[in-house]
PDB file of N, CA and C in Angstrom:
ATOM      1  N   MET A   1      25.013  67.680  10.558  1.00  0.00           N
ATOM      2  CA  MET A   1      26.112  66.965   9.950  1.00  0.00           C
ATOM      3  C   MET A   1      25.752  65.492   9.716  1.00  0.00           C
ATOM      4  N   ALA A   2      25.066  64.879  10.684  1.00  0.00           N
ATOM      5  CA  ALA A   2      24.693  63.465  10.544  1.00  0.00           C
ATOM      6  C   ALA A   2      23.796  63.250   9.319  1.00  0.00           C
ATOM      7  N   GLU A   3      22.926  64.206   9.050  1.00  0.00           N
ATOM      8  CA  GLU A   3      22.019  64.087   7.898  1.00  0.00           C
ATOM      9  C   GLU A   3      22.801  64.179   6.580  1.00  0.00           C
ATOM     10  N   ILE A   4      23.824  64.999   6.554  1.00  0.00           N
ATOM     11  CA  ILE A   4      24.657  65.116   5.347  1.00  0.00           C
ATOM     12  C   ILE A   4      25.406  63.814   5.100  1.00  0.00           C
ATOM     13  N   VAL A   5      25.951  63.215   6.163  1.00  0.00           N
ATOM     14  CA  VAL A   5      26.649  61.935   6.033  1.00  0.00           C
ATOM     15  C   VAL A   5      25.676  60.866   5.532  1.00  0.00           C
ATOM     16  N   ARG A   6      24.446  60.822   6.092  1.00  0.00           N
ATOM     17  CA  ARG A   6      23.442  59.856   5.654  1.00  0.00           C
ATOM     18  C   ARG A   6      23.120  60.045   4.178  1.00  0.00           C
ATOM     19  N   LEU A   7      23.003  61.288   3.744  1.00  0.00           N
ATOM     20  CA  LEU A   7      22.698  61.590   2.346  1.00  0.00           C
ATOM     21  C   LEU A   7      23.824  61.127   1.424  1.00  0.00           C
ATOM     22  N   VAL A   8      25.068  61.396   1.813  1.00  0.00           N
ATOM     23  CA  VAL A   8      26.206  60.976   0.988  1.00  0.00           C
ATOM     24  C   VAL A   8      26.264  59.450   0.893  1.00  0.00           C
ATOM     25  N   GLU A   9      26.033  58.748   2.007  1.00  0.00           N
ATOM     26  CA  GLU A   9      26.019  57.279   1.980  1.00  0.00           C
ATOM     27  C   GLU A   9      24.897  56.763   1.092  1.00  0.00           C
ATOM     28  N   ALA A  10      23.734  57.387   1.160  1.00  0.00           N
ATOM     29  CA  ALA A  10      22.612  56.974   0.313  1.00  0.00           C
ATOM     30  C   ALA A  10      22.944  57.175  -1.165  1.00  0.00           C
ATOM     31  N   LEU A  11      23.562  58.283  -1.497  1.00  0.00           N
ATOM     32  CA  LEU A  11      23.932  58.541  -2.892  1.00  0.00           C
ATOM     33  C   LEU A  11      24.974  57.538  -3.386  1.00  0.00           C
ATOM     34  N   LYS A  12      25.946  57.208  -2.547  1.00  0.00           N
ATOM     35  CA  LYS A  12      26.959  56.224  -2.924  1.00  0.00           C
ATOM     36  C   LYS A  12      26.330  54.847  -3.126  1.00  0.00           C
ATOM     37  N   THR A  13      25.421  54.466  -2.230  1.00  0.00           N
ATOM     38  CA  THR A  13      24.753  53.166  -2.342  1.00  0.00           C
ATOM     39  C   THR A  13      23.911  53.110  -3.611  1.00  0.00           C
ATOM     40  N   THR A  14      23.185  54.175  -3.900  1.00  0.00           N
ATOM     41  CA  THR A  14      22.360  54.222  -5.108  1.00  0.00           C
ATOM     42  C   THR A  14      23.231  54.157  -6.355  1.00  0.00           C
ATOM     43  N   ASP A  15      24.356  54.837  -6.333  1.00  0.00           N
ATOM     44  CA  ASP A  15      25.267  54.813  -7.477  1.00  0.00           C
ATOM     45  C   ASP A  15      25.821  53.415  -7.703  1.00  0.00           C
ATOM     46  N   GLU A  16      26.160  52.714  -6.617  1.00  0.00           N
ATOM     47  CA  GLU A  16      26.720  51.369  -6.719  1.00  0.00           C
ATOM     48  C   GLU A  16      25.690  50.304  -7.056  1.00  0.00           C
ATOM     49  N   HIS A  17      24.521  50.382  -6.435  1.00  0.00           N
ATOM     50  CA  HIS A  17      23.560  49.283  -6.487  1.00  0.00           C
ATOM     51  C   HIS A  17      22.196  49.645  -7.063  1.00  0.00           C
ATOM     52  N   GLY A  18      21.996  50.834  -7.510  1.00  0.00           N
ATOM     53  CA  GLY A  18      20.675  51.222  -7.975  1.00  0.00           C
ATOM     54  C   GLY A  18      19.857  51.784  -6.813  1.00  0.00           C
ATOM     55  N   ASP A  19      18.574  51.840  -6.959  1.00  0.00           N
ATOM     56  CA  ASP A  19      17.691  52.471  -5.973  1.00  0.00           C
ATOM     57  C   ASP A  19      17.427  51.535  -4.797  1.00  0.00           C
ATOM     58  N   ARG A  20      18.393  51.358  -3.938  1.00  0.00           N
ATOM     59  CA  ARG A  20      18.281  50.482  -2.766  1.00  0.00           C
ATOM     60  C   ARG A  20      18.926  51.164  -1.573  1.00  0.00           C
ATOM     61  N   THR A  21      18.652  50.648  -0.384  1.00  0.00           N
ATOM     62  CA  THR A  21      19.311  51.141   0.818  1.00  0.00           C
ATOM     63  C   THR A  21      20.098  50.004   1.449  1.00  0.00           C
ATOM     64  N   LYS A  22      21.089  50.356   2.251  1.00  0.00           N
ATOM     65  CA  LYS A  22      21.895  49.335   2.917  1.00  0.00           C
ATOM     66  C   LYS A  22      20.994  48.451   3.752  1.00  0.00           C
ATOM     67  N   GLY A  23      21.261  47.163   3.715  1.00  0.00           N
ATOM     68  CA  GLY A  23      20.447  46.211   4.449  1.00  0.00           C
ATOM     69  C   GLY A  23      19.369  45.562   3.592  1.00  0.00           C
ATOM     70  N   ASP A  24      18.983  46.223   2.495  1.00  0.00           N
ATOM     71  CA  ASP A  24      18.012  45.627   1.571  1.00  0.00           C
ATOM     72  C   ASP A  24      18.637  44.412   0.899  1.00  0.00           C
ATOM     73  N   GLN A  25      17.791  43.465   0.566  1.00  0.00           N
ATOM     74  CA  GLN A  25      18.276  42.335  -0.218  1.00  0.00           C
ATOM     75  C   GLN A  25      18.028  42.627  -1.691  1.00  0.00           C
ATOM     76  N   VAL A  26      18.992  42.239  -2.498  1.00  0.00           N
ATOM     77  CA  VAL A  26      18.889  42.403  -3.950  1.00  0.00           C
ATOM     78  C   VAL A  26      19.071  41.038  -4.604  1.00  0.00           C
ATOM     79  N   ILE A  27      18.573  40.891  -5.808  1.00  0.00           N
ATOM     80  CA  ILE A  27      18.720  39.633  -6.538  1.00  0.00           C
ATOM     81  C   ILE A  27      20.140  39.560  -7.084  1.00  0.00           C
ATOM     82  N   ALA A  28      20.811  38.473  -6.774  1.00  0.00           N
ATOM     83  CA  ALA A  28      22.181  38.260  -7.250  1.00  0.00           C
ATOM     84  C   ALA A  28      22.137  37.723  -8.679  1.00  0.00           C
ATOM     85  N   PRO A  29      23.103  38.090  -9.500  1.00  0.00           N
ATOM     86  CA  PRO A  29      23.148  37.536 -10.855  1.00  0.00           C
ATOM     87  C   PRO A  29      23.314  36.020 -10.793  1.00  0.00           C
ATOM     88  N   PRO A  30      22.806  35.291 -11.779  1.00  0.00           N
ATOM     89  CA  PRO A  30      22.914  33.831 -11.741  1.00  0.00           C
ATOM     90  C   PRO A  30      24.370  33.381 -11.790  1.00  0.00           C
ATOM     91  N   PRO A  31      24.666  32.243 -11.159  1.00  0.00           N
ATOM     92  CA  PRO A  31      26.043  31.737 -11.186  1.00  0.00           C
ATOM     93  C   PRO A  31      26.423  31.299 -12.594  1.00  0.00           C
ATOM     94  N   LYS A  32      27.710  31.357 -12.886  1.00  0.00           N
ATOM     95  CA  LYS A  32      28.195  31.001 -14.232  1.00  0.00           C
ATOM     96  C   LYS A  32      28.498  29.524 -14.379  1.00  0.00           C
ATOM     97  N   THR A  33      28.792  28.855 -13.256  1.00  0.00           N
ATOM     98  CA  THR A  33      29.130  27.433 -13.328  1.00  0.00           C
ATOM     99  C   THR A  33      28.368  26.663 -12.248  1.00  0.00           C
ATOM    100  N   GLN A  34      28.339  25.364 -12.389  1.00  0.00           N
ATOM    101  CA  GLN A  34      27.715  24.496 -11.388  1.00  0.00           C
ATOM    102  C   GLN A  34      28.440  24.634 -10.049  1.00  0.00           C
ATOM    103  N   GLU A  35      29.744  24.743 -10.111  1.00  0.00           N
ATOM    104  CA  GLU A  35      30.550  24.889  -8.890  1.00  0.00           C
ATOM    105  C   GLU A  35      30.193  26.190  -8.154  1.00  0.00           C
ATOM    106  N   ASP A  36      30.031  27.283  -8.903  1.00  0.00           N
ATOM    107  CA  ASP A  36      29.630  28.557  -8.303  1.00  0.00           C
ATOM    108  C   ASP A  36      28.242  28.451  -7.674  1.00  0.00           C
ATOM    109  N   ALA A  37      27.347  27.739  -8.333  1.00  0.00           N
ATOM    110  CA  ALA A  37      25.991  27.558  -7.805  1.00  0.00           C
ATOM    111  C   ALA A  37      26.016  26.801  -6.482  1.00  0.00           C
ATOM    112  N   GLU A  38      26.810  25.753  -6.400  1.00  0.00           N
ATOM    113  CA  GLU A  38      26.907  24.968  -5.167  1.00  0.00           C
ATOM    114  C   GLU A  38      27.506  25.797  -4.034  1.00  0.00           C
ATOM    115  N   LYS A  39      28.522  26.589  -4.340  1.00  0.00           N
ATOM    116  CA  LYS A  39      29.122  27.453  -3.323  1.00  0.00           C
ATOM    117  C   LYS A  39      28.097  28.459  -2.812  1.00  0.00           C
ATOM    118  N   ARG A  40      27.342  29.039  -3.730  1.00  0.00           N
ATOM    119  CA  ARG A  40      26.370  30.070  -3.368  1.00  0.00           C
ATOM    120  C   ARG A  40      25.265  29.508  -2.486  1.00  0.00           C
ATOM    121  N   VAL A  41      24.761  28.333  -2.803  1.00  0.00           N
ATOM    122  CA  VAL A  41      23.679  27.732  -2.019  1.00  0.00           C
ATOM    123  C   VAL A  41      24.136  27.475  -0.588  1.00  0.00           C
ATOM    124  N   ASN A  42      25.404  27.152  -0.415  1.00  0.00           N
ATOM    125  CA  ASN A  42      25.931  26.860   0.920  1.00  0.00           C
ATOM    126  C   ASN A  42      26.500  28.091   1.631  1.00  0.00           C
ATOM    127  N   ASP A  43      26.514  29.231   0.969  1.00  0.00           N
ATOM    128  CA  ASP A  43      27.066  30.459   1.540  1.00  0.00           C
ATOM    129  C   ASP A  43      25.990  31.173   2.359  1.00  0.00           C
ATOM    130  N   SER A  44      26.314  31.530   3.605  1.00  0.00           N
ATOM    131  CA  SER A  44      25.327  32.173   4.485  1.00  0.00           C
ATOM    132  C   SER A  44      25.027  33.612   4.082  1.00  0.00           C
ATOM    133  N   ASN A  45      25.825  34.213   3.185  1.00  0.00           N
ATOM    134  CA  ASN A  45      25.563  35.571   2.725  1.00  0.00           C
ATOM    135  C   ASN A  45      24.427  35.632   1.708  1.00  0.00           C
ATOM    136  N   TYR A  46      24.033  34.464   1.183  1.00  0.00           N
ATOM    137  CA  TYR A  46      22.977  34.399   0.182  1.00  0.00           C
ATOM    138  C   TYR A  46      21.725  33.747   0.758  1.00  0.00           C
ATOM    139  N   ASP A  47      20.575  34.235   0.335  1.00  0.00           N
ATOM    140  CA  ASP A  47      19.287  33.642   0.676  1.00  0.00           C
ATOM    141  C   ASP A  47      18.754  33.038  -0.624  1.00  0.00           C
ATOM    142  N   CYS A  48      18.971  31.729  -0.809  1.00  0.00           N
ATOM    143  CA  CYS A  48      18.665  31.068  -2.077  1.00  0.00           C
ATOM    144  C   CYS A  48      17.310  30.368  -2.042  1.00  0.00           C
ATOM    145  N   VAL A  49      16.508  30.647  -3.056  1.00  0.00           N
ATOM    146  CA  VAL A  49      15.248  29.946  -3.264  1.00  0.00           C
ATOM    147  C   VAL A  49      15.516  28.701  -4.098  1.00  0.00           C
ATOM    148  N   ASP A  50      16.412  28.841  -5.040  1.00  0.00           N
ATOM    149  CA  ASP A  50      16.819  27.771  -5.942  1.00  0.00           C
ATOM    150  C   ASP A  50      18.264  28.068  -6.343  1.00  0.00           C
ATOM    151  N   TRP A  51      18.917  27.169  -7.048  1.00  0.00           N
ATOM    152  CA  TRP A  51      20.315  27.388  -7.428  1.00  0.00           C
ATOM    153  C   TRP A  51      20.494  28.625  -8.304  1.00  0.00           C
ATOM    154  N   CYS A  52      19.458  28.998  -9.052  1.00  0.00           N
ATOM    155  CA  CYS A  52      19.590  30.125  -9.982  1.00  0.00           C
ATOM    156  C   CYS A  52      18.948  31.404  -9.459  1.00  0.00           C
ATOM    157  N   PHE A  53      18.252  31.343  -8.317  1.00  0.00           N
ATOM    158  CA  PHE A  53      17.580  32.535  -7.785  1.00  0.00           C
ATOM    159  C   PHE A  53      17.987  32.731  -6.332  1.00  0.00           C
ATOM    160  N   CYS A  54      18.928  33.629  -6.136  1.00  0.00           N
ATOM    161  CA  CYS A  54      19.414  33.940  -4.803  1.00  0.00           C
ATOM    162  C   CYS A  54      19.391  35.446  -4.578  1.00  0.00           C
ATOM    163  N   LYS A  55      19.191  35.824  -3.327  1.00  0.00           N
ATOM    164  CA  LYS A  55      19.248  37.225  -2.933  1.00  0.00           C
ATOM    165  C   LYS A  55      20.368  37.365  -1.921  1.00  0.00           C
ATOM    166  N   LYS A  56      20.909  38.592  -1.845  1.00  0.00           N
ATOM    167  CA  LYS A  56      21.916  38.864  -0.840  1.00  0.00           C
ATOM    168  C   LYS A  56      21.764  40.291  -0.373  1.00  0.00           C
ATOM    169  N   SER A  57      22.244  40.548   0.819  1.00  0.00           N
ATOM    170  CA  SER A  57      22.188  41.881   1.398  1.00  0.00           C
ATOM    171  C   SER A  57      23.235  42.758   0.755  1.00  0.00           C
ATOM    172  N   LEU A  58      22.940  44.032   0.642  1.00  0.00           N
ATOM    173  CA  LEU A  58      23.927  44.958   0.101  1.00  0.00           C
ATOM    174  C   LEU A  58      25.118  45.111   1.027  1.00  0.00           C
ATOM    175  N   ASP A  59      24.954  44.809   2.302  1.00  0.00           N
ATOM    176  CA  ASP A  59      26.046  44.913   3.253  1.00  0.00           C
ATOM    177  C   ASP A  59      27.050  43.786   3.075  1.00  0.00           C
ATOM    178  N   SER A  60      26.689  42.697   2.407  1.00  0.00           N
ATOM    179  CA  SER A  60      27.583  41.546   2.262  1.00  0.00           C
ATOM    180  C   SER A  60      28.506  41.697   1.085  1.00  0.00           C
TER     181      SER A  60
END
């Protein structure tokens, strides 16, 4: 039963986010405004290299 639950969760995650697993970091789309960029850089859910290139966990 546990394997079936894991499979269903994997399928849901793939459907939502593409070919990734929970806990993986994905590239976030670029912010639309300067204000959004500043919020994102200061947000602990994002791992930002620069204002326009940030990654975040699928769990966030």
